[in-house]
PDB file of N, CA and C in Angstrom:
ATOM      1  N   MET A   1      -2.773 -24.924  18.790  1.00  0.00           N
ATOM      2  CA  MET A   1      -3.893 -25.757  18.575  1.00  0.00           C
ATOM      3  C   MET A   1      -3.886 -26.424  17.270  1.00  0.00           C
ATOM      4  N   ALA A   2      -4.045 -27.694  17.136  1.00  0.00           N
ATOM      5  CA  ALA A   2      -4.170 -28.117  15.783  1.00  0.00           C
ATOM      6  C   ALA A   2      -5.628 -28.541  15.398  1.00  0.00           C
ATOM      7  N   TRP A   3      -6.309 -28.178  14.477  1.00  0.00           N
ATOM      8  CA  TRP A   3      -7.731 -28.223  14.253  1.00  0.00           C
ATOM      9  C   TRP A   3      -7.768 -28.726  12.724  1.00  0.00           C
ATOM     10  N   SER A   4      -8.826 -29.737  12.720  1.00  0.00           N
ATOM     11  CA  SER A   4      -9.280 -30.465  11.365  1.00  0.00           C
ATOM     12  C   SER A   4     -10.808 -30.429  11.213  1.00  0.00           C
ATOM     13  N   LEU A   5     -11.036 -30.708   9.946  1.00  0.00           N
ATOM     14  CA  LEU A   5     -12.628 -30.996   9.639  1.00  0.00           C
ATOM     15  C   LEU A   5     -12.884 -32.220  10.263  1.00  0.00           C
ATOM     16  N   ASN A   6     -13.760 -32.428  10.779  1.00  0.00           N
ATOM     17  CA  ASN A   6     -14.436 -33.790  11.172  1.00  0.00           C
ATOM     18  C   ASN A   6     -14.636 -34.840   9.990  1.00  0.00           C
ATOM     19  N   ASP A   7     -14.497 -36.157  10.188  1.00  0.00           N
ATOM     20  CA  ASP A   7     -14.821 -37.031   9.169  1.00  0.00           C
ATOM     21  C   ASP A   7     -16.265 -36.662   8.522  1.00  0.00           C
ATOM     22  N   GLY A   8     -16.299 -36.682   7.258  1.00  0.00           N
ATOM     23  CA  GLY A   8     -17.622 -36.513   6.688  1.00  0.00           C
ATOM     24  C   GLY A   8     -18.009 -35.142   6.245  1.00  0.00           C
ATOM     25  N   VAL A   9     -17.144 -34.061   6.804  1.00  0.00           N
ATOM     26  CA  VAL A   9     -17.207 -32.793   6.404  1.00  0.00           C
ATOM     27  C   VAL A   9     -16.318 -32.304   5.289  1.00  0.00           C
ATOM     28  N   THR A  10     -17.044 -31.604   4.446  1.00  0.00           N
ATOM     29  CA  THR A  10     -16.103 -31.104   3.370  1.00  0.00           C
ATOM     30  C   THR A  10     -16.549 -29.485   3.159  1.00  0.00           C
ATOM     31  N   VAL A  11     -15.447 -28.861   2.625  1.00  0.00           N
ATOM     32  CA  VAL A  11     -15.568 -27.280   2.594  1.00  0.00           C
ATOM     33  C   VAL A  11     -15.420 -26.865   1.185  1.00  0.00           C
ATOM     34  N   ALA A  12     -16.094 -25.847   0.923  1.00  0.00           N
ATOM     35  CA  ALA A  12     -16.084 -25.249  -0.430  1.00  0.00           C
ATOM     36  C   ALA A  12     -16.013 -23.811  -0.300  1.00  0.00           C
ATOM     37  N   GLU A  13     -15.171 -23.086  -1.072  1.00  0.00           N
ATOM     38  CA  GLU A  13     -14.881 -21.635  -0.757  1.00  0.00           C
ATOM     39  C   GLU A  13     -15.828 -21.040  -1.813  1.00  0.00           C
ATOM     40  N   THR A  14     -16.525 -19.985  -1.447  1.00  0.00           N
ATOM     41  CA  THR A  14     -17.399 -19.180  -2.378  1.00  0.00           C
ATOM     42  C   THR A  14     -17.014 -17.790  -2.503  1.00  0.00           C
ATOM     43  N   PRO A  15     -17.660 -16.900  -3.232  1.00  0.00           N
ATOM     44  CA  PRO A  15     -17.223 -15.565  -3.249  1.00  0.00           C
ATOM     45  C   PRO A  15     -17.532 -14.703  -2.051  1.00  0.00           C
ATOM     46  N   ASP A  16     -18.507 -15.522  -1.291  1.00  0.00           N
ATOM     47  CA  ASP A  16     -18.858 -14.652   0.044  1.00  0.00           C
ATOM     48  C   ASP A  16     -18.522 -15.226   1.196  1.00  0.00           C
ATOM     49  N   GLY A  17     -17.559 -16.434   1.144  1.00  0.00           N
ATOM     50  CA  GLY A  17     -17.070 -16.887   2.480  1.00  0.00           C
ATOM     51  C   GLY A  17     -16.793 -18.318   2.127  1.00  0.00           C
ATOM     52  N   VAL A  18     -17.429 -19.324   2.993  1.00  0.00           N
ATOM     53  CA  VAL A  18     -17.221 -20.816   2.973  1.00  0.00           C
ATOM     54  C   VAL A  18     -18.564 -21.544   3.182  1.00  0.00           C
ATOM     55  N   VAL A  19     -18.708 -22.621   2.553  1.00  0.00           N
ATOM     56  CA  VAL A  19     -19.712 -23.540   2.853  1.00  0.00           C
ATOM     57  C   VAL A  19     -19.255 -24.894   3.250  1.00  0.00           C
ATOM     58  N   LEU A  20     -19.762 -25.387   4.460  1.00  0.00           N
ATOM     59  CA  LEU A  20     -19.331 -26.749   5.129  1.00  0.00           C
ATOM     60  C   LEU A  20     -20.407 -27.515   4.639  1.00  0.00           C
ATOM     61  N   LEU A  21     -20.301 -28.754   4.356  1.00  0.00           N
ATOM     62  CA  LEU A  21     -21.232 -29.961   4.260  1.00  0.00           C
ATOM     63  C   LEU A  21     -20.863 -30.963   5.139  1.00  0.00           C
ATOM     64  N   ASP A  22     -21.871 -31.290   6.090  1.00  0.00           N
ATOM     65  CA  ASP A  22     -21.703 -32.309   6.946  1.00  0.00           C
ATOM     66  C   ASP A  22     -22.516 -33.452   6.143  1.00  0.00           C
ATOM     67  N   GLU A  23     -21.646 -34.336   5.587  1.00  0.00           N
ATOM     68  CA  GLU A  23     -22.316 -35.582   4.743  1.00  0.00           C
ATOM     69  C   GLU A  23     -23.146 -36.482   5.607  1.00  0.00           C
ATOM     70  N   ARG A  24     -22.553 -36.473   6.790  1.00  0.00           N
ATOM     71  CA  ARG A  24     -23.079 -37.437   7.898  1.00  0.00           C
ATOM     72  C   ARG A  24     -24.678 -37.231   8.018  1.00  0.00           C
ATOM     73  N   GLU A  25     -24.965 -35.789   8.263  1.00  0.00           N
ATOM     74  CA  GLU A  25     -26.395 -35.501   8.614  1.00  0.00           C
ATOM     75  C   GLU A  25     -26.991 -34.601   7.407  1.00  0.00           C
ATOM     76  N   GLY A  26     -26.305 -34.682   6.176  1.00  0.00           N
ATOM     77  CA  GLY A  26     -26.952 -33.644   5.391  1.00  0.00           C
ATOM     78  C   GLY A  26     -27.292 -32.142   5.530  1.00  0.00           C
ATOM     79  N   ARG A  27     -26.316 -31.680   6.349  1.00  0.00           N
ATOM     80  CA  ARG A  27     -26.463 -30.233   6.811  1.00  0.00           C
ATOM     81  C   ARG A  27     -25.447 -29.459   6.235  1.00  0.00           C
ATOM     82  N   TYR A  28     -25.783 -28.343   5.721  1.00  0.00           N
ATOM     83  CA  TYR A  28     -24.907 -27.293   5.401  1.00  0.00           C
ATOM     84  C   TYR A  28     -24.709 -25.966   6.313  1.00  0.00           C
ATOM     85  N   TRP A  29     -23.624 -25.762   6.396  1.00  0.00           N
ATOM     86  CA  TRP A  29     -23.160 -24.478   7.307  1.00  0.00           C
ATOM     87  C   TRP A  29     -22.659 -23.563   6.408  1.00  0.00           C
ATOM     88  N   GLN A  30     -23.040 -22.162   6.243  1.00  0.00           N
ATOM     89  CA  GLN A  30     -22.425 -21.149   5.292  1.00  0.00           C
ATOM     90  C   GLN A  30     -21.881 -20.188   6.343  1.00  0.00           C
ATOM     91  N   LEU A  31     -20.555 -19.850   6.156  1.00  0.00           N
ATOM     92  CA  LEU A  31     -19.939 -18.907   6.943  1.00  0.00           C
ATOM     93  C   LEU A  31     -19.617 -17.583   5.896  1.00  0.00           C
ATOM     94  N   ASN A  32     -19.858 -16.542   6.273  1.00  0.00           N
ATOM     95  CA  ASN A  32     -19.520 -15.469   5.420  1.00  0.00           C
ATOM     96  C   ASN A  32     -18.055 -15.173   5.545  1.00  0.00           C
ATOM     97  N   ASP A  33     -17.519 -14.202   4.894  1.00  0.00           N
ATOM     98  CA  ASP A  33     -16.001 -14.039   4.828  1.00  0.00           C
ATOM     99  C   ASP A  33     -15.318 -14.073   6.142  1.00  0.00           C
ATOM    100  N   THR A  34     -15.918 -13.253   7.229  1.00  0.00           N
ATOM    101  CA  THR A  34     -15.239 -13.338   8.447  1.00  0.00           C
ATOM    102  C   THR A  34     -15.318 -14.586   9.050  1.00  0.00           C
ATOM    103  N   GLY A  35     -16.430 -15.574   9.084  1.00  0.00           N
ATOM    104  CA  GLY A  35     -16.236 -16.822   9.629  1.00  0.00           C
ATOM    105  C   GLY A  35     -15.342 -17.687   8.526  1.00  0.00           C
ATOM    106  N   GLY A  36     -15.013 -17.407   7.278  1.00  0.00           N
ATOM    107  CA  GLY A  36     -14.005 -18.067   6.428  1.00  0.00           C
ATOM    108  C   GLY A  36     -12.552 -17.817   7.114  1.00  0.00           C
ATOM    109  N   VAL A  37     -12.514 -16.485   7.373  1.00  0.00           N
ATOM    110  CA  VAL A  37     -11.247 -16.317   7.914  1.00  0.00           C
ATOM    111  C   VAL A  37     -10.913 -17.085   9.230  1.00  0.00           C
ATOM    112  N   VAL A  38     -11.811 -17.177  10.036  1.00  0.00           N
ATOM    113  CA  VAL A  38     -11.687 -17.930  11.334  1.00  0.00           C
ATOM    114  C   VAL A  38     -11.340 -19.441  10.969  1.00  0.00           C
ATOM    115  N   LEU A  39     -12.166 -19.997   9.970  1.00  0.00           N
ATOM    116  CA  LEU A  39     -12.141 -21.435   9.664  1.00  0.00           C
ATOM    117  C   LEU A  39     -10.691 -21.666   9.001  1.00  0.00           C
ATOM    118  N   ARG A  40     -10.351 -20.709   8.043  1.00  0.00           N
ATOM    119  CA  ARG A  40      -9.034 -20.984   7.415  1.00  0.00           C
ATOM    120  C   ARG A  40      -8.003 -20.956   8.342  1.00  0.00           C
ATOM    121  N   SER A  41      -7.869 -20.126   9.340  1.00  0.00           N
ATOM    122  CA  SER A  41      -7.009 -20.031  10.271  1.00  0.00           C
ATOM    123  C   SER A  41      -6.749 -21.104  11.109  1.00  0.00           C
ATOM    124  N   LEU A  42      -7.975 -21.749  11.604  1.00  0.00           N
ATOM    125  CA  LEU A  42      -7.892 -22.929  12.322  1.00  0.00           C
ATOM    126  C   LEU A  42      -7.361 -24.078  11.550  1.00  0.00           C
ATOM    127  N   LEU A  43      -7.715 -24.300  10.400  1.00  0.00           N
ATOM    128  CA  LEU A  43      -7.287 -25.397   9.421  1.00  0.00           C
ATOM    129  C   LEU A  43      -5.978 -25.323   9.033  1.00  0.00           C
ATOM    130  N   GLU A  44      -5.405 -24.120   9.159  1.00  0.00           N
ATOM    131  CA  GLU A  44      -3.942 -23.843   8.593  1.00  0.00           C
ATOM    132  C   GLU A  44      -3.164 -23.736   9.850  1.00  0.00           C
ATOM    133  N   GLY A  45      -3.477 -23.985  10.964  1.00  0.00           N
ATOM    134  CA  GLY A  45      -2.596 -24.145  12.114  1.00  0.00           C
ATOM    135  C   GLY A  45      -2.304 -22.819  12.912  1.00  0.00           C
ATOM    136  N   GLY A  46      -3.022 -21.711  12.554  1.00  0.00           N
ATOM    137  CA  GLY A  46      -2.873 -20.252  12.814  1.00  0.00           C
ATOM    138  C   GLY A  46      -3.646 -20.173  14.160  1.00  0.00           C
ATOM    139  N   GLY A  47      -4.740 -21.008  14.440  1.00  0.00           N
ATOM    140  CA  GLY A  47      -5.603 -20.935  15.622  1.00  0.00           C
ATOM    141  C   GLY A  47      -6.347 -19.470  15.529  1.00  0.00           C
ATOM    142  N   ALA A  48      -6.998 -19.490  16.595  1.00  0.00           N
ATOM    143  CA  ALA A  48      -7.881 -18.324  17.045  1.00  0.00           C
ATOM    144  C   ALA A  48      -7.035 -16.959  16.909  1.00  0.00           C
ATOM    145  N   GLU A  49      -5.854 -17.051  17.442  1.00  0.00           N
ATOM    146  CA  GLU A  49      -5.233 -16.036  17.674  1.00  0.00           C
ATOM    147  C   GLU A  49      -4.715 -15.273  16.310  1.00  0.00           C
ATOM    148  N   ARG A  50      -4.516 -16.104  15.380  1.00  0.00           N
ATOM    149  CA  ARG A  50      -4.116 -15.521  13.941  1.00  0.00           C
ATOM    150  C   ARG A  50      -5.473 -14.997  13.453  1.00  0.00           C
ATOM    151  N   ALA A  51      -6.613 -15.460  13.539  1.00  0.00           N
ATOM    152  CA  ALA A  51      -7.835 -15.135  12.915  1.00  0.00           C
ATOM    153  C   ALA A  51      -8.044 -13.714  13.559  1.00  0.00           C
ATOM    154  N   VAL A  52      -7.984 -13.547  14.827  1.00  0.00           N
ATOM    155  CA  VAL A  52      -8.285 -12.300  15.721  1.00  0.00           C
ATOM    156  C   VAL A  52      -7.171 -11.183  15.081  1.00  0.00           C
ATOM    157  N   ALA A  53      -5.919 -11.623  14.782  1.00  0.00           N
ATOM    158  CA  ALA A  53      -5.187 -10.569  14.278  1.00  0.00           C
ATOM    159  C   ALA A  53      -5.441 -10.200  12.765  1.00  0.00           C
ATOM    160  N   GLU A  54      -5.841 -11.252  12.070  1.00  0.00           N
ATOM    161  CA  GLU A  54      -6.279 -10.890  10.638  1.00  0.00           C
ATOM    162  C   GLU A  54      -7.478  -9.933  10.700  1.00  0.00           C
ATOM    163  N   LEU A  55      -8.442 -10.211  11.412  1.00  0.00           N
ATOM    164  CA  LEU A  55      -9.860  -9.520  11.471  1.00  0.00           C
ATOM    165  C   LEU A  55      -9.670  -8.179  12.102  1.00  0.00           C
ATOM    166  N   ARG A  56      -8.691  -8.029  12.923  1.00  0.00           N
ATOM    167  CA  ARG A  56      -8.334  -6.598  13.578  1.00  0.00           C
ATOM    168  C   ARG A  56      -7.853  -5.834  12.681  1.00  0.00           C
ATOM    169  N   ARG A  57      -6.767  -6.306  11.604  1.00  0.00           N
ATOM    170  CA  ARG A  57      -6.277  -5.749  10.630  1.00  0.00           C
ATOM    171  C   ARG A  57      -7.135  -5.276   9.543  1.00  0.00           C
ATOM    172  N   ARG A  58      -8.067  -6.255   9.043  1.00  0.00           N
ATOM    173  CA  ARG A  58      -8.994  -5.840   8.239  1.00  0.00           C
ATOM    174  C   ARG A  58     -10.032  -4.907   8.627  1.00  0.00           C
ATOM    175  N   TYR A  59     -10.463  -4.929   9.969  1.00  0.00           N
ATOM    176  CA  TYR A  59     -11.591  -4.183  10.530  1.00  0.00           C
ATOM    177  C   TYR A  59     -11.079  -3.523  11.897  1.00  0.00           C
ATOM    178  N   PRO A  60     -10.189  -2.407  11.670  1.00  0.00           N
ATOM    179  CA  PRO A  60      -9.565  -1.858  13.104  1.00  0.00           C
ATOM    180  C   PRO A  60     -10.945  -1.146  13.738  1.00  0.00           C
ATOM    181  N   SER A  61     -11.792  -0.680  13.316  1.00  0.00           N
ATOM    182  CA  SER A  61     -12.719  -0.031  14.236  1.00  0.00           C
ATOM    183  C   SER A  61     -13.644  -1.144  14.803  1.00  0.00           C
ATOM    184  N   ALA A  62     -13.399  -2.490  14.625  1.00  0.00           N
ATOM    185  CA  ALA A  62     -14.091  -3.267  15.271  1.00  0.00           C
ATOM    186  C   ALA A  62     -13.691  -3.612  16.961  1.00  0.00           C
ATOM    187  N   GLY A  63     -12.495  -3.142  17.151  1.00  0.00           N
ATOM    188  CA  GLY A  63     -11.804  -3.140  18.536  1.00  0.00           C
ATOM    189  C   GLY A  63     -11.890  -4.647  19.122  1.00  0.00           C
ATOM    190  N   ASP A  64     -12.225  -4.382  20.435  1.00  0.00           N
ATOM    191  CA  ASP A  64     -12.175  -5.527  21.530  1.00  0.00           C
ATOM    192  C   ASP A  64     -13.231  -6.765  21.068  1.00  0.00           C
ATOM    193  N   VAL A  65     -14.282  -6.331  20.403  1.00  0.00           N
ATOM    194  CA  VAL A  65     -15.272  -7.388  20.088  1.00  0.00           C
ATOM    195  C   VAL A  65     -14.666  -8.490  19.121  1.00  0.00           C
ATOM    196  N   VAL A  66     -13.736  -8.273  18.463  1.00  0.00           N
ATOM    197  CA  VAL A  66     -13.261  -9.325  17.633  1.00  0.00           C
ATOM    198  C   VAL A  66     -12.774 -10.780  18.246  1.00  0.00           C
ATOM    199  N   ALA A  67     -12.030 -10.466  19.478  1.00  0.00           N
ATOM    200  CA  ALA A  67     -11.646 -11.709  20.232  1.00  0.00           C
ATOM    201  C   ALA A  67     -12.947 -12.369  20.489  1.00  0.00           C
ATOM    202  N   ALA A  68     -13.909 -11.786  20.980  1.00  0.00           N
ATOM    203  CA  ALA A  68     -14.927 -12.509  21.600  1.00  0.00           C
ATOM    204  C   ALA A  68     -15.753 -13.072  20.438  1.00  0.00           C
ATOM    205  N   ASP A  69     -15.945 -12.336  19.223  1.00  0.00           N
ATOM    206  CA  ASP A  69     -16.658 -12.910  18.355  1.00  0.00           C
ATOM    207  C   ASP A  69     -15.830 -14.193  17.413  1.00  0.00           C
ATOM    208  N   VAL A  70     -14.743 -14.328  17.572  1.00  0.00           N
ATOM    209  CA  VAL A  70     -13.807 -15.503  16.963  1.00  0.00           C
ATOM    210  C   VAL A  70     -14.045 -16.423  17.910  1.00  0.00           C
ATOM    211  N   GLN A  71     -14.057 -16.322  19.132  1.00  0.00           N
ATOM    212  CA  GLN A  71     -14.218 -17.429  20.138  1.00  0.00           C
ATOM    213  C   GLN A  71     -15.718 -18.059  19.855  1.00  0.00           C
ATOM    214  N   LYS A  72     -16.602 -17.152  19.724  1.00  0.00           N
ATOM    215  CA  LYS A  72     -18.012 -17.561  19.366  1.00  0.00           C
ATOM    216  C   LYS A  72     -18.120 -18.608  18.091  1.00  0.00           C
ATOM    217  N   VAL A  73     -17.364 -18.102  17.179  1.00  0.00           N
ATOM    218  CA  VAL A  73     -17.476 -18.904  15.775  1.00  0.00           C
ATOM    219  C   VAL A  73     -16.567 -20.189  16.009  1.00  0.00           C
ATOM    220  N   VAL A  74     -15.574 -20.399  16.838  1.00  0.00           N
ATOM    221  CA  VAL A  74     -14.937 -21.372  17.123  1.00  0.00           C
ATOM    222  C   VAL A  74     -15.858 -22.317  18.101  1.00  0.00           C
ATOM    223  N   GLY A  75     -16.427 -21.967  19.044  1.00  0.00           N
ATOM    224  CA  GLY A  75     -17.240 -22.406  19.801  1.00  0.00           C
ATOM    225  C   GLY A  75     -18.366 -23.300  19.025  1.00  0.00           C
ATOM    226  N   ARG A  76     -19.007 -22.553  18.192  1.00  0.00           N
ATOM    227  CA  ARG A  76     -20.154 -23.089  17.431  1.00  0.00           C
ATOM    228  C   ARG A  76     -19.606 -24.052  16.316  1.00  0.00           C
ATOM    229  N   LEU A  77     -18.415 -23.860  15.800  1.00  0.00           N
ATOM    230  CA  LEU A  77     -18.020 -24.885  14.809  1.00  0.00           C
ATOM    231  C   LEU A  77     -17.812 -26.290  15.569  1.00  0.00           C
ATOM    232  N   LYS A  78     -17.250 -26.133  16.741  1.00  0.00           N
ATOM    233  CA  LYS A  78     -16.719 -27.252  17.662  1.00  0.00           C
ATOM    234  C   LYS A  78     -17.907 -27.870  17.774  1.00  0.00           C
ATOM    235  N   ALA A  79     -19.009 -27.205  18.459  1.00  0.00           N
ATOM    236  CA  ALA A  79     -20.189 -27.792  19.096  1.00  0.00           C
ATOM    237  C   ALA A  79     -21.011 -28.416  17.956  1.00  0.00           C
ATOM    238  N   SER A  80     -21.031 -27.907  16.754  1.00  0.00           N
ATOM    239  CA  SER A  80     -21.918 -28.310  15.565  1.00  0.00           C
ATOM    240  C   SER A  80     -21.076 -29.680  15.029  1.00  0.00           C
ATOM    241  N   GLY A  81     -19.889 -30.052  15.383  1.00  0.00           N
ATOM    242  CA  GLY A  81     -19.325 -31.272  14.835  1.00  0.00           C
ATOM    243  C   GLY A  81     -18.483 -30.936  13.576  1.00  0.00           C
ATOM    244  N   MET A  82     -18.483 -29.926  13.231  1.00  0.00           N
ATOM    245  CA  MET A  82     -17.860 -29.465  11.957  1.00  0.00           C
ATOM    246  C   MET A  82     -16.268 -29.750  11.999  1.00  0.00           C
ATOM    247  N   VAL A  83     -15.731 -29.174  13.277  1.00  0.00           N
ATOM    248  CA  VAL A  83     -14.154 -29.460  13.291  1.00  0.00           C
ATOM    249  C   VAL A  83     -14.021 -29.976  14.751  1.00  0.00           C
ATOM    250  N   ARG A  84     -12.707 -30.303  14.718  1.00  0.00           N
ATOM    251  CA  ARG A  84     -12.246 -30.973  16.034  1.00  0.00           C
ATOM    252  C   ARG A  84     -10.915 -30.563  16.440  1.00  0.00           C
ATOM    253  N   ASP A  85     -10.668 -30.261  17.581  1.00  0.00           N
ATOM    254  CA  ASP A  85      -9.263 -29.872  18.239  1.00  0.00           C
ATOM    255  C   ASP A  85      -8.404 -31.063  18.308  1.00  0.00           C
ATOM    256  N   GLU A  86      -7.394 -31.275  17.528  1.00  0.00           N
ATOM    257  CA  GLU A  86      -6.449 -32.273  17.672  1.00  0.00           C
ATOM    258  C   GLU A  86      -5.290 -32.242  18.555  1.00  0.00           C
ATOM    259  N   SER A  87      -5.302 -30.974  19.371  1.00  0.00           N
ATOM    260  CA  SER A  87      -4.052 -30.814  20.387  1.00  0.00           C
ATOM    261  C   SER A  87      -4.167 -31.587  21.488  1.00  0.00           C
TER     262      SER A  87
END
């Protein structure tokens, strides 16, 4: 899947993750480091699968919850209008 930021959304890396600004509505979204992994994976073309693999590597004790959590983050980013699926 190819993902991109929606028009009017900008991203800034922070020491703790990522901040998204929706300039259309003046809303900020702050993602922790884990959410930042998901967003970067989407925008770099790796999709949710790469994010799951990376997070399982970082947090092996998280087990099966990683995939479900990644899907939640993807769903919320999409529902918020921050990102779009271009595939």
